[in-house]
């Protein structure tokens, strides 16, 4: 099997994996599983970009999605009302609209990819496209990226500290009592019982008086 054939087989394998993983995002019943299936779909797209020669963009996509989906999963496990984002839940709303929009978008993008006349402008062998792209993306925005990274790190540390068993206000379980597996009915309130007896005696006196 030639090198070109291997590339074609890998391309179609990653393409099918990307579509199947994207479909599973809307089929699984928890936010955490959906996040990691979305990550798997983006990983497949990233390797497709590597096969097409855009190695820098493909690997950056994989690295960015790995960090983003992991952070999303951690936050959902810590803060979702649905415990850990793992309990069954509906992931799709407005089913008919979502299906129509997805089919139309897929058909449009696939049609553009098949029939569009893309420009053919080969890059000179002496150029450094990766370095030029890095300077274009980060040349004027390095401080913004560094600030955003430190902010995200501080947010993750603060979130873990607040959600931990011992948070800012001490042990979260201090003073709590675990419920009984077979709880007994609570004893009657003396004041409520006395009021009920008084009402019963008054009603009985009215019936006996005439």
N, C-alpha and C. Protein backbone atom coordinates (compact mmCIF):
# COMPACT_ATOMS: atom_id res chain seq x y z
N UNK A 1 0.87 -1.20 0.00
CA UNK A 1 0.00 0.00 0.00
C UNK A 1 0.90 1.24 0.00
N UNK A 2 0.67 2.13 -0.95
CA UNK A 2 1.52 3.32 -1.09
C UNK A 2 1.22 4.34 0.00
N UNK A 3 2.15 5.34 0.09
CA UNK A 3 1.96 6.38 1.10
C UNK A 3 0.71 7.19 0.88
N UNK A 4 0.40 7.50 -0.40
CA UNK A 4 -0.81 8.26 -0.69
C UNK A 4 -2.06 7.51 -0.28
N UNK A 5 -2.07 6.20 -0.52
CA UNK A 5 -3.24 5.39 -0.12
C UNK A 5 -3.40 5.37 1.39
N UNK A 6 -2.28 5.27 2.11
CA UNK A 6 -2.35 5.29 3.58
C UNK A 6 -2.91 6.61 4.09
N UNK A 7 -2.49 7.70 3.47
CA UNK A 7 -3.00 9.02 3.87
C UNK A 7 -4.50 9.10 3.60
N UNK A 8 -4.94 8.58 2.45
CA UNK A 8 -6.37 8.62 2.12
C UNK A 8 -7.18 7.79 3.13
N UNK A 9 -6.67 6.61 3.47
CA UNK A 9 -7.37 5.75 4.44
C UNK A 9 -7.44 6.44 5.79
N UNK A 10 -6.32 7.04 6.24
CA UNK A 10 -6.31 7.74 7.52
C UNK A 10 -7.26 8.93 7.50
N UNK A 11 -7.28 9.65 6.37
CA UNK A 11 -8.18 10.81 6.25
C UNK A 11 -9.63 10.39 6.44
N UNK A 12 -10.07 9.36 5.72
CA UNK A 12 -11.47 8.93 5.83
C UNK A 12 -11.76 8.32 7.20
N UNK A 13 -10.78 7.65 7.80
CA UNK A 13 -10.99 7.09 9.15
C UNK A 13 -11.20 8.22 10.16
N UNK A 14 -10.36 9.25 10.12
CA UNK A 14 -10.53 10.37 11.04
C UNK A 14 -11.81 11.15 10.73
N UNK A 15 -12.18 11.25 9.44
CA UNK A 15 -13.41 11.96 9.10
C UNK A 15 -14.63 11.25 9.69
N UNK A 16 -14.67 9.92 9.53
CA UNK A 16 -15.79 9.16 10.10
C UNK A 16 -15.79 9.27 11.62
N UNK A 17 -14.61 9.18 12.24
CA UNK A 17 -14.51 9.29 13.70
C UNK A 17 -15.00 10.65 14.18
N UNK A 18 -14.66 11.72 13.45
CA UNK A 18 -15.10 13.07 13.85
C UNK A 18 -16.61 13.19 13.80
N UNK A 19 -17.23 12.65 12.72
CA UNK A 19 -18.69 12.75 12.59
C UNK A 19 -19.38 11.89 13.65
N UNK A 20 -18.90 10.67 13.87
CA UNK A 20 -19.53 9.79 14.86
C UNK A 20 -19.41 10.38 16.27
N UNK A 21 -18.23 10.88 16.62
CA UNK A 21 -18.04 11.48 17.93
C UNK A 21 -18.93 12.71 18.11
N UNK A 22 -19.06 13.53 17.05
CA UNK A 22 -19.93 14.70 17.13
C UNK A 22 -21.39 14.27 17.30
N UNK A 23 -21.79 13.18 16.66
CA UNK A 23 -23.16 12.67 16.83
C UNK A 23 -23.37 12.17 18.25
N UNK A 24 -22.36 11.53 18.84
CA UNK A 24 -22.49 11.01 20.20
C UNK A 24 -22.58 12.13 21.23
N UNK A 25 -22.09 13.33 20.89
CA UNK A 25 -22.23 14.46 21.81
C UNK A 25 -23.69 14.68 22.17
N UNK A 26 -24.59 14.48 21.20
CA UNK A 26 -26.01 14.71 21.41
C UNK A 26 -26.78 13.45 21.77
N UNK A 27 -26.08 12.31 21.86
CA UNK A 27 -26.75 11.07 22.20
C UNK A 27 -26.49 10.61 23.62
N UNK A 28 -25.36 11.00 24.19
CA UNK A 28 -25.08 10.60 25.56
C UNK A 28 -25.96 11.41 26.52
N UNK A 29 -26.08 10.92 27.75
CA UNK A 29 -27.04 11.52 28.69
C UNK A 29 -26.37 12.23 29.85
N UNK A 30 -25.17 12.77 29.64
CA UNK A 30 -24.55 13.56 30.70
C UNK A 30 -23.62 14.59 30.08
N UNK A 31 -23.43 15.71 30.78
CA UNK A 31 -22.61 16.80 30.28
C UNK A 31 -21.13 16.41 30.20
N UNK A 32 -20.65 15.63 31.16
CA UNK A 32 -19.24 15.24 31.16
C UNK A 32 -18.93 14.34 29.97
N UNK A 33 -19.78 13.36 29.73
CA UNK A 33 -19.55 12.48 28.57
C UNK A 33 -19.64 13.27 27.28
N UNK A 34 -20.59 14.21 27.20
CA UNK A 34 -20.71 15.03 26.01
C UNK A 34 -19.45 15.87 25.78
N UNK A 35 -18.87 16.40 26.87
CA UNK A 35 -17.65 17.20 26.73
C UNK A 35 -16.51 16.36 26.16
N UNK A 36 -16.34 15.13 26.62
CA UNK A 36 -15.23 14.33 26.14
C UNK A 36 -15.47 13.75 24.76
N UNK A 37 -16.73 13.51 24.38
CA UNK A 37 -16.98 13.13 22.99
C UNK A 37 -16.72 14.30 22.06
N UNK A 38 -17.04 15.53 22.50
CA UNK A 38 -16.71 16.70 21.69
C UNK A 38 -15.20 16.84 21.54
N UNK A 39 -14.46 16.57 22.61
CA UNK A 39 -13.00 16.58 22.55
C UNK A 39 -12.50 15.55 21.53
N UNK A 40 -13.10 14.34 21.55
CA UNK A 40 -12.68 13.31 20.60
C UNK A 40 -12.95 13.75 19.16
N UNK A 41 -14.06 14.42 18.93
CA UNK A 41 -14.37 14.91 17.58
C UNK A 41 -13.33 15.94 17.12
N UNK A 42 -12.98 16.86 18.01
CA UNK A 42 -11.98 17.87 17.65
C UNK A 42 -10.59 17.25 17.45
N UNK A 43 -10.28 16.22 18.20
CA UNK A 43 -8.99 15.54 18.01
C UNK A 43 -8.93 14.94 16.60
N UNK A 44 -10.02 14.31 16.17
CA UNK A 44 -10.06 13.75 14.82
C UNK A 44 -9.90 14.85 13.77
N UNK A 45 -10.56 15.98 13.98
CA UNK A 45 -10.42 17.11 13.04
C UNK A 45 -8.97 17.62 13.04
N UNK A 46 -8.35 17.67 14.22
CA UNK A 46 -6.97 18.12 14.30
C UNK A 46 -6.03 17.22 13.52
N UNK A 47 -6.22 15.89 13.59
CA UNK A 47 -5.36 14.99 12.84
C UNK A 47 -5.64 15.07 11.34
N UNK A 48 -6.89 15.39 10.96
CA UNK A 48 -7.17 15.63 9.54
C UNK A 48 -6.37 16.83 9.05
N UNK A 49 -6.30 17.89 9.86
CA UNK A 49 -5.51 19.06 9.48
C UNK A 49 -4.03 18.71 9.38
N UNK A 50 -3.54 17.83 10.25
CA UNK A 50 -2.14 17.39 10.15
C UNK A 50 -1.92 16.65 8.84
N UNK A 51 -2.85 15.78 8.45
CA UNK A 51 -2.73 15.05 7.20
C UNK A 51 -2.75 15.99 6.00
N UNK A 52 -3.47 17.11 6.12
CA UNK A 52 -3.55 18.07 5.02
C UNK A 52 -2.35 19.02 4.97
N UNK A 53 -1.42 18.86 5.90
CA UNK A 53 -0.22 19.67 5.88
C UNK A 53 -0.23 20.83 6.85
N UNK A 54 -1.35 21.08 7.52
CA UNK A 54 -1.41 22.18 8.50
C UNK A 54 -1.10 21.61 9.88
N UNK A 55 0.14 21.21 10.07
CA UNK A 55 0.52 20.53 11.31
C UNK A 55 0.40 21.44 12.52
N UNK A 56 0.81 22.69 12.37
CA UNK A 56 0.76 23.62 13.50
C UNK A 56 -0.69 23.83 13.95
N UNK A 57 -1.58 24.13 13.02
CA UNK A 57 -2.96 24.39 13.38
C UNK A 57 -3.63 23.13 13.94
N UNK A 58 -3.31 21.97 13.36
CA UNK A 58 -3.92 20.74 13.86
C UNK A 58 -3.52 20.43 15.29
N UNK A 59 -2.23 20.54 15.59
CA UNK A 59 -1.76 20.25 16.95
C UNK A 59 -2.24 21.31 17.94
N UNK A 60 -2.29 22.58 17.52
CA UNK A 60 -2.83 23.61 18.40
C UNK A 60 -4.29 23.35 18.71
N UNK A 61 -5.06 22.90 17.71
CA UNK A 61 -6.46 22.57 17.94
C UNK A 61 -6.60 21.46 18.97
N UNK A 62 -5.79 20.40 18.84
CA UNK A 62 -5.85 19.29 19.80
C UNK A 62 -5.49 19.77 21.20
N UNK A 63 -4.41 20.56 21.33
CA UNK A 63 -4.00 21.04 22.65
C UNK A 63 -5.04 21.95 23.27
N UNK A 64 -5.61 22.86 22.49
CA UNK A 64 -6.61 23.78 23.01
C UNK A 64 -7.86 23.04 23.46
N UNK A 65 -8.33 22.08 22.64
CA UNK A 65 -9.54 21.35 23.01
C UNK A 65 -9.30 20.45 24.21
N UNK A 66 -8.09 19.89 24.33
CA UNK A 66 -7.80 19.06 25.50
C UNK A 66 -7.93 19.87 26.78
N UNK A 67 -7.31 21.06 26.80
CA UNK A 67 -7.41 21.91 27.99
C UNK A 67 -8.82 22.41 28.23
N UNK A 68 -9.48 22.85 27.16
CA UNK A 68 -10.82 23.44 27.32
C UNK A 68 -11.83 22.41 27.80
N UNK A 69 -11.86 21.23 27.17
CA UNK A 69 -12.85 20.21 27.56
C UNK A 69 -12.56 19.67 28.96
N UNK A 70 -11.28 19.57 29.33
CA UNK A 70 -10.95 19.11 30.69
C UNK A 70 -11.42 20.12 31.73
N UNK A 71 -11.16 21.40 31.47
CA UNK A 71 -11.62 22.44 32.40
C UNK A 71 -13.14 22.43 32.50
N UNK A 72 -13.83 22.29 31.36
CA UNK A 72 -15.29 22.25 31.37
C UNK A 72 -15.80 21.07 32.19
N UNK A 73 -15.19 19.90 32.02
CA UNK A 73 -15.62 18.72 32.77
C UNK A 73 -15.39 18.91 34.27
N UNK A 74 -14.24 19.49 34.63
CA UNK A 74 -13.95 19.71 36.06
C UNK A 74 -14.98 20.66 36.67
N UNK A 75 -15.30 21.76 35.98
CA UNK A 75 -16.26 22.71 36.51
C UNK A 75 -17.65 22.08 36.62
N UNK A 76 -18.04 21.26 35.65
CA UNK A 76 -19.35 20.62 35.73
C UNK A 76 -19.42 19.63 36.88
N UNK A 77 -18.34 18.88 37.10
CA UNK A 77 -18.33 17.93 38.21
C UNK A 77 -18.46 18.67 39.55
N UNK A 78 -17.83 19.85 39.65
CA UNK A 78 -17.82 20.56 40.93
C UNK A 78 -19.10 21.32 41.19
N UNK A 79 -19.72 21.90 40.16
CA UNK A 79 -20.77 22.89 40.41
C UNK A 79 -22.14 22.55 39.86
N UNK A 80 -22.30 21.49 39.08
CA UNK A 80 -23.62 21.23 38.52
C UNK A 80 -24.58 20.74 39.60
N UNK A 81 -25.84 21.20 39.51
CA UNK A 81 -26.86 20.70 40.43
C UNK A 81 -27.10 19.21 40.20
N UNK A 82 -27.02 18.80 38.94
CA UNK A 82 -27.03 17.38 38.63
C UNK A 82 -25.70 16.82 39.09
N UNK A 83 -25.67 15.94 40.12
CA UNK A 83 -24.39 15.57 40.74
C UNK A 83 -23.35 15.12 39.72
N UNK A 84 -22.27 15.86 39.68
CA UNK A 84 -21.10 15.57 38.85
C UNK A 84 -21.41 15.60 37.36
N UNK A 85 -22.58 16.07 36.97
CA UNK A 85 -22.91 16.09 35.55
C UNK A 85 -22.99 14.71 34.94
N UNK A 86 -23.22 13.67 35.75
CA UNK A 86 -23.21 12.30 35.26
C UNK A 86 -24.58 11.66 35.27
N UNK A 87 -25.55 12.25 35.97
CA UNK A 87 -26.88 11.66 35.99
C UNK A 87 -27.56 11.85 34.64
N UNK A 88 -28.46 10.94 34.27
CA UNK A 88 -29.13 11.06 32.96
C UNK A 88 -29.86 12.39 32.82
N UNK A 89 -29.74 13.00 31.66
CA UNK A 89 -30.43 14.24 31.37
C UNK A 89 -30.55 14.39 29.86
N UNK A 90 -31.52 15.18 29.43
CA UNK A 90 -31.73 15.39 28.01
C UNK A 90 -30.73 16.41 27.49
N UNK A 91 -30.00 16.03 26.45
CA UNK A 91 -28.95 16.88 25.91
C UNK A 91 -29.42 17.70 24.70
N UNK A 92 -30.59 17.41 24.16
CA UNK A 92 -31.07 18.07 22.96
C UNK A 92 -32.44 18.67 23.22
N UNK A 93 -32.65 19.89 22.78
CA UNK A 93 -33.95 20.55 22.86
C UNK A 93 -34.32 21.02 21.45
N UNK A 94 -35.62 21.22 21.24
CA UNK A 94 -36.11 21.61 19.91
C UNK A 94 -35.59 20.64 18.86
N UNK A 95 -35.97 19.38 18.99
CA UNK A 95 -35.40 18.31 18.19
C UNK A 95 -35.55 18.56 16.69
N UNK A 96 -36.76 18.92 16.23
CA UNK A 96 -36.97 19.09 14.80
C UNK A 96 -36.10 20.23 14.24
N UNK A 97 -36.07 21.36 14.96
CA UNK A 97 -35.26 22.48 14.51
C UNK A 97 -33.78 22.12 14.48
N UNK A 98 -33.31 21.39 15.51
CA UNK A 98 -31.91 20.99 15.57
C UNK A 98 -31.55 20.05 14.42
N UNK A 99 -32.43 19.11 14.10
CA UNK A 99 -32.15 18.17 13.01
C UNK A 99 -32.09 18.91 11.67
N UNK A 100 -33.07 19.79 11.43
CA UNK A 100 -33.08 20.53 10.17
C UNK A 100 -31.84 21.41 10.03
N UNK A 101 -31.50 22.13 11.09
CA UNK A 101 -30.33 23.01 11.04
C UNK A 101 -29.05 22.20 10.82
N UNK A 102 -28.93 21.06 11.48
CA UNK A 102 -27.73 20.24 11.31
C UNK A 102 -27.60 19.68 9.90
N UNK A 103 -28.71 19.19 9.34
CA UNK A 103 -28.66 18.63 7.98
C UNK A 103 -28.33 19.72 6.97
N UNK A 104 -28.96 20.90 7.11
CA UNK A 104 -28.71 21.99 6.16
C UNK A 104 -27.24 22.45 6.26
N UNK A 105 -26.74 22.61 7.48
CA UNK A 105 -25.36 23.06 7.65
C UNK A 105 -24.38 22.03 7.09
N UNK A 106 -24.62 20.75 7.36
CA UNK A 106 -23.72 19.70 6.86
C UNK A 106 -23.74 19.66 5.34
N UNK A 107 -24.93 19.72 4.74
CA UNK A 107 -25.03 19.67 3.29
C UNK A 107 -24.34 20.89 2.65
N UNK A 108 -24.54 22.07 3.26
CA UNK A 108 -23.91 23.27 2.71
C UNK A 108 -22.40 23.21 2.77
N UNK A 109 -21.85 22.82 3.93
CA UNK A 109 -20.39 22.75 4.07
C UNK A 109 -19.79 21.65 3.19
N UNK A 110 -20.48 20.50 3.12
CA UNK A 110 -19.98 19.42 2.27
C UNK A 110 -20.01 19.83 0.80
N UNK A 111 -21.08 20.54 0.42
CA UNK A 111 -21.16 21.01 -0.97
C UNK A 111 -20.05 21.98 -1.31
N UNK A 112 -19.75 22.90 -0.40
CA UNK A 112 -18.65 23.84 -0.64
C UNK A 112 -17.33 23.10 -0.76
N UNK A 113 -17.12 22.13 0.10
CA UNK A 113 -15.87 21.39 0.05
C UNK A 113 -15.70 20.58 -1.23
N UNK A 114 -16.81 20.13 -1.83
CA UNK A 114 -16.72 19.29 -3.03
C UNK A 114 -16.65 20.08 -4.32
N UNK A 115 -17.34 21.22 -4.38
CA UNK A 115 -17.45 21.92 -5.67
C UNK A 115 -16.69 23.23 -5.71
N UNK A 116 -16.21 23.74 -4.57
CA UNK A 116 -15.53 25.04 -4.58
C UNK A 116 -14.17 24.93 -5.27
N UNK A 117 -13.78 25.99 -5.93
CA UNK A 117 -12.48 26.05 -6.60
C UNK A 117 -11.51 26.78 -5.68
N UNK A 118 -10.81 26.02 -4.83
CA UNK A 118 -9.90 26.60 -3.86
C UNK A 118 -8.63 27.10 -4.56
N UNK A 119 -8.06 28.19 -4.10
CA UNK A 119 -6.85 28.72 -4.75
C UNK A 119 -5.66 27.81 -4.53
N UNK A 120 -4.80 27.78 -5.50
CA UNK A 120 -3.60 26.96 -5.43
C UNK A 120 -2.39 27.90 -5.43
N UNK A 121 -1.94 28.22 -4.21
CA UNK A 121 -0.80 29.12 -4.07
C UNK A 121 0.27 28.44 -3.22
N UNK A 122 1.10 27.64 -3.82
CA UNK A 122 2.13 26.93 -3.03
C UNK A 122 3.11 27.90 -2.39
N UNK A 123 3.54 27.53 -1.19
CA UNK A 123 4.47 28.36 -0.43
C UNK A 123 5.90 28.00 -0.82
N UNK A 124 6.74 29.00 -0.89
CA UNK A 124 8.14 28.75 -1.22
C UNK A 124 8.81 27.90 -0.16
N UNK A 125 9.70 27.04 -0.57
CA UNK A 125 10.36 26.13 0.37
C UNK A 125 11.20 26.87 1.40
N UNK A 126 11.66 28.07 1.08
CA UNK A 126 12.51 28.82 2.01
C UNK A 126 11.72 29.58 3.07
N UNK A 127 10.41 29.64 2.94
CA UNK A 127 9.59 30.40 3.90
C UNK A 127 9.37 29.59 5.17
N UNK A 128 8.94 30.26 6.22
CA UNK A 128 8.64 29.62 7.50
C UNK A 128 7.20 29.96 7.88
N UNK A 129 6.22 29.22 7.32
CA UNK A 129 4.81 29.56 7.57
C UNK A 129 4.40 29.42 9.02
N UNK A 130 4.98 28.43 9.71
CA UNK A 130 4.60 28.24 11.12
C UNK A 130 5.04 29.43 11.96
N UNK A 131 6.28 29.89 11.76
CA UNK A 131 6.77 31.05 12.52
C UNK A 131 5.99 32.31 12.16
N UNK A 132 5.69 32.47 10.88
CA UNK A 132 4.92 33.65 10.47
C UNK A 132 3.51 33.62 11.05
N UNK A 133 2.88 32.44 11.07
CA UNK A 133 1.55 32.33 11.66
C UNK A 133 1.59 32.59 13.16
N UNK A 134 2.63 32.09 13.84
CA UNK A 134 2.75 32.36 15.27
C UNK A 134 2.90 33.84 15.57
N UNK A 135 3.71 34.54 14.76
CA UNK A 135 3.85 35.98 14.98
C UNK A 135 2.55 36.72 14.66
N UNK A 136 1.81 36.23 13.66
CA UNK A 136 0.54 36.87 13.31
C UNK A 136 -0.50 36.68 14.42
N UNK A 137 -0.52 35.50 15.01
CA UNK A 137 -1.52 35.21 16.04
C UNK A 137 -1.15 35.82 17.39
N UNK A 138 0.12 35.79 17.75
CA UNK A 138 0.52 36.15 19.11
C UNK A 138 1.39 37.41 19.17
N UNK A 139 1.72 37.98 18.05
CA UNK A 139 2.63 39.12 18.09
C UNK A 139 2.13 40.26 18.94
N UNK A 140 0.88 40.66 18.76
CA UNK A 140 0.30 41.78 19.51
C UNK A 140 -0.59 41.32 20.67
N UNK A 141 -0.72 40.01 20.85
CA UNK A 141 -1.68 39.52 21.85
C UNK A 141 -1.04 38.63 22.89
N UNK A 142 0.29 38.61 22.97
CA UNK A 142 0.95 37.72 23.93
C UNK A 142 0.55 38.04 25.37
N UNK A 143 0.49 39.35 25.70
CA UNK A 143 0.12 39.73 27.05
C UNK A 143 -1.31 39.30 27.37
N UNK A 144 -2.20 39.40 26.39
CA UNK A 144 -3.59 38.98 26.60
C UNK A 144 -3.65 37.48 26.88
N UNK A 145 -2.91 36.69 26.10
CA UNK A 145 -2.92 35.24 26.29
C UNK A 145 -2.32 34.87 27.64
N UNK A 146 -1.22 35.49 28.02
CA UNK A 146 -0.60 35.18 29.30
C UNK A 146 -1.53 35.56 30.45
N UNK A 147 -2.17 36.73 30.36
CA UNK A 147 -3.11 37.15 31.41
C UNK A 147 -4.29 36.20 31.51
N UNK A 148 -4.81 35.78 30.36
CA UNK A 148 -5.94 34.85 30.37
C UNK A 148 -5.53 33.52 31.00
N UNK A 149 -4.31 33.04 30.71
CA UNK A 149 -3.86 31.78 31.29
C UNK A 149 -3.74 31.85 32.80
N UNK A 150 -3.15 32.94 33.31
CA UNK A 150 -3.03 33.10 34.77
C UNK A 150 -4.40 33.24 35.42
N UNK A 151 -5.31 33.95 34.75
CA UNK A 151 -6.66 34.12 35.29
C UNK A 151 -7.39 32.79 35.38
N UNK A 152 -7.28 31.97 34.32
CA UNK A 152 -7.91 30.65 34.35
C UNK A 152 -7.32 29.77 35.44
N UNK A 153 -6.01 29.82 35.61
CA UNK A 153 -5.38 29.03 36.67
C UNK A 153 -5.88 29.46 38.05
N UNK A 154 -5.94 30.79 38.29
CA UNK A 154 -6.44 31.27 39.57
C UNK A 154 -7.90 30.89 39.78
N UNK A 155 -8.69 30.93 38.71
CA UNK A 155 -10.10 30.55 38.82
C UNK A 155 -10.25 29.09 39.18
N UNK A 156 -9.46 28.22 38.56
CA UNK A 156 -9.52 26.79 38.88
C UNK A 156 -9.13 26.52 40.32
N UNK A 157 -8.05 27.16 40.79
CA UNK A 157 -7.63 26.95 42.17
C UNK A 157 -8.69 27.45 43.15
N UNK A 158 -9.26 28.64 42.88
CA UNK A 158 -10.30 29.18 43.76
C UNK A 158 -11.55 28.31 43.74
N UNK A 159 -11.91 27.78 42.58
CA UNK A 159 -13.10 26.92 42.49
C UNK A 159 -12.91 25.64 43.28
N UNK A 160 -11.75 25.04 43.16
CA UNK A 160 -11.48 23.81 43.93
C UNK A 160 -11.48 24.11 45.43
N UNK A 161 -10.91 25.26 45.82
CA UNK A 161 -10.89 25.62 47.24
C UNK A 161 -12.29 25.84 47.78
N UNK A 162 -13.16 26.49 46.98
CA UNK A 162 -14.52 26.76 47.45
C UNK A 162 -15.38 25.51 47.47
N UNK A 163 -15.14 24.59 46.53
CA UNK A 163 -15.96 23.40 46.45
C UNK A 163 -15.43 22.25 47.29
N UNK A 164 -14.26 22.39 47.89
CA UNK A 164 -13.69 21.31 48.68
C UNK A 164 -14.48 21.10 49.96
N UNK A 165 -14.24 19.97 50.59
CA UNK A 165 -14.95 19.65 51.84
C UNK A 165 -14.66 20.69 52.91
N UNK A 166 -13.42 21.12 53.00
CA UNK A 166 -13.07 22.20 53.91
C UNK A 166 -12.87 23.46 53.09
N UNK A 167 -13.91 24.27 52.98
CA UNK A 167 -13.85 25.50 52.21
C UNK A 167 -13.53 26.69 53.08
N UNK A 168 -13.98 27.85 52.64
CA UNK A 168 -13.69 29.07 53.39
C UNK A 168 -14.34 29.06 54.77
N UNK A 169 -15.45 28.35 54.92
CA UNK A 169 -16.22 28.42 56.16
C UNK A 169 -16.09 27.14 56.98
N UNK A 170 -14.98 26.41 56.83
CA UNK A 170 -14.75 25.23 57.64
C UNK A 170 -15.28 23.97 56.99
N UNK A 171 -15.39 22.91 57.79
CA UNK A 171 -15.81 21.61 57.30
C UNK A 171 -17.27 21.68 56.88
N UNK A 172 -17.54 21.28 55.63
CA UNK A 172 -18.90 21.35 55.11
C UNK A 172 -19.82 20.37 55.82
N UNK A 173 -19.27 19.29 56.40
CA UNK A 173 -20.10 18.29 57.05
C UNK A 173 -20.22 18.51 58.56
N UNK A 174 -19.66 19.59 59.08
CA UNK A 174 -19.71 19.83 60.52
C UNK A 174 -21.14 20.09 60.96
N UNK A 175 -21.60 19.35 61.97
CA UNK A 175 -22.94 19.54 62.51
C UNK A 175 -24.04 18.86 61.72
N UNK A 176 -23.71 18.22 60.62
CA UNK A 176 -24.74 17.56 59.82
C UNK A 176 -24.95 16.14 60.32
N UNK A 177 -26.15 15.65 60.16
CA UNK A 177 -26.50 14.30 60.59
C UNK A 177 -27.02 13.55 59.37
N UNK A 178 -26.45 12.39 59.11
CA UNK A 178 -26.89 11.60 57.96
C UNK A 178 -28.31 11.09 58.19
N UNK A 179 -29.17 11.12 57.18
CA UNK A 179 -30.55 10.64 57.36
C UNK A 179 -30.58 9.13 57.54
N UNK A 180 -31.56 8.68 58.30
CA UNK A 180 -31.74 7.25 58.51
C UNK A 180 -32.24 6.59 57.24
N UNK A 181 -31.87 5.32 57.06
CA UNK A 181 -32.34 4.61 55.89
C UNK A 181 -33.83 4.33 55.98
N UNK A 182 -34.34 4.08 57.19
CA UNK A 182 -35.78 3.83 57.40
C UNK A 182 -36.25 4.76 58.52
N UNK A 183 -36.44 6.04 58.22
CA UNK A 183 -36.72 7.00 59.30
C UNK A 183 -38.07 6.74 59.97
N UNK A 184 -38.08 6.93 61.29
CA UNK A 184 -39.33 6.80 62.05
C UNK A 184 -40.10 8.11 61.98
N UNK A 185 -41.43 8.05 62.08
CA UNK A 185 -42.19 9.31 62.06
C UNK A 185 -41.83 10.18 63.26
N UNK A 186 -41.73 11.48 63.06
CA UNK A 186 -41.34 12.36 64.17
C UNK A 186 -42.41 12.37 65.26
N UNK A 187 -42.01 12.55 66.54
CA UNK A 187 -43.00 12.60 67.62
C UNK A 187 -43.89 13.83 67.46
N UNK A 188 -45.15 13.72 67.91
CA UNK A 188 -46.06 14.86 67.75
C UNK A 188 -45.62 16.06 68.58
N UNK A 189 -45.84 17.23 68.05
CA UNK A 189 -45.51 18.46 68.74
C UNK A 189 -46.48 18.65 69.91
N UNK A 190 -45.99 18.85 71.15
CA UNK A 190 -46.92 18.99 72.30
C UNK A 190 -47.90 20.14 72.13
N UNK A 191 -47.45 21.27 71.63
CA UNK A 191 -48.36 22.40 71.46
C UNK A 191 -49.43 22.09 70.41
N UNK A 192 -49.02 21.46 69.32
CA UNK A 192 -49.99 21.12 68.29
C UNK A 192 -50.98 20.08 68.81
N UNK A 193 -50.47 19.10 69.59
CA UNK A 193 -51.37 18.08 70.15
C UNK A 193 -52.35 18.70 71.13
N UNK A 194 -51.90 19.67 71.98
CA UNK A 194 -52.80 20.31 72.93
C UNK A 194 -53.88 21.11 72.21
N UNK A 195 -53.52 21.81 71.15
CA UNK A 195 -54.50 22.56 70.37
C UNK A 195 -55.52 21.64 69.73
N UNK A 196 -55.09 20.49 69.26
CA UNK A 196 -56.01 19.55 68.64
C UNK A 196 -56.99 18.99 69.67
N UNK A 197 -56.49 18.65 70.91
CA UNK A 197 -57.37 18.14 71.96
C UNK A 197 -58.38 19.19 72.39
N UNK A 198 -57.94 20.46 72.49
CA UNK A 198 -58.85 21.53 72.89
C UNK A 198 -59.97 21.71 71.86
N UNK A 199 -59.61 21.65 70.58
CA UNK A 199 -60.60 21.79 69.53
C UNK A 199 -61.59 20.63 69.57
N UNK A 200 -61.10 19.42 69.84
CA UNK A 200 -61.96 18.24 69.91
C UNK A 200 -62.93 18.34 71.10
N UNK A 201 -62.43 18.82 72.28
CA UNK A 201 -63.29 18.96 73.46
C UNK A 201 -64.36 20.02 73.22
N UNK A 202 -63.99 21.12 72.56
CA UNK A 202 -64.96 22.18 72.29
C UNK A 202 -66.06 21.68 71.36
N UNK A 203 -65.69 20.93 70.36
CA UNK A 203 -66.68 20.38 69.44
C UNK A 203 -67.60 19.39 70.16
N UNK A 204 -67.04 18.58 71.02
CA UNK A 204 -67.86 17.61 71.78
C UNK A 204 -68.82 18.30 72.72
N UNK A 205 -68.38 19.43 73.38
CA UNK A 205 -69.27 20.17 74.29
C UNK A 205 -70.43 20.77 73.56
N UNK A 206 -70.23 21.30 72.36
CA UNK A 206 -71.32 21.89 71.59
C UNK A 206 -72.35 20.85 71.24
N UNK A 207 -71.87 19.60 70.91
CA UNK A 207 -72.83 18.58 70.56
C UNK A 207 -73.63 18.11 71.78
N UNK A 208 -72.98 18.11 72.98
CA UNK A 208 -73.66 17.60 74.16
C UNK A 208 -74.53 18.64 74.80
N UNK A 209 -74.31 19.96 74.57
CA UNK A 209 -75.05 21.01 75.26
C UNK A 209 -76.54 21.01 75.00
N UNK A 210 -77.04 21.05 73.76
CA UNK A 210 -78.48 21.09 73.52
C UNK A 210 -79.13 19.81 73.96
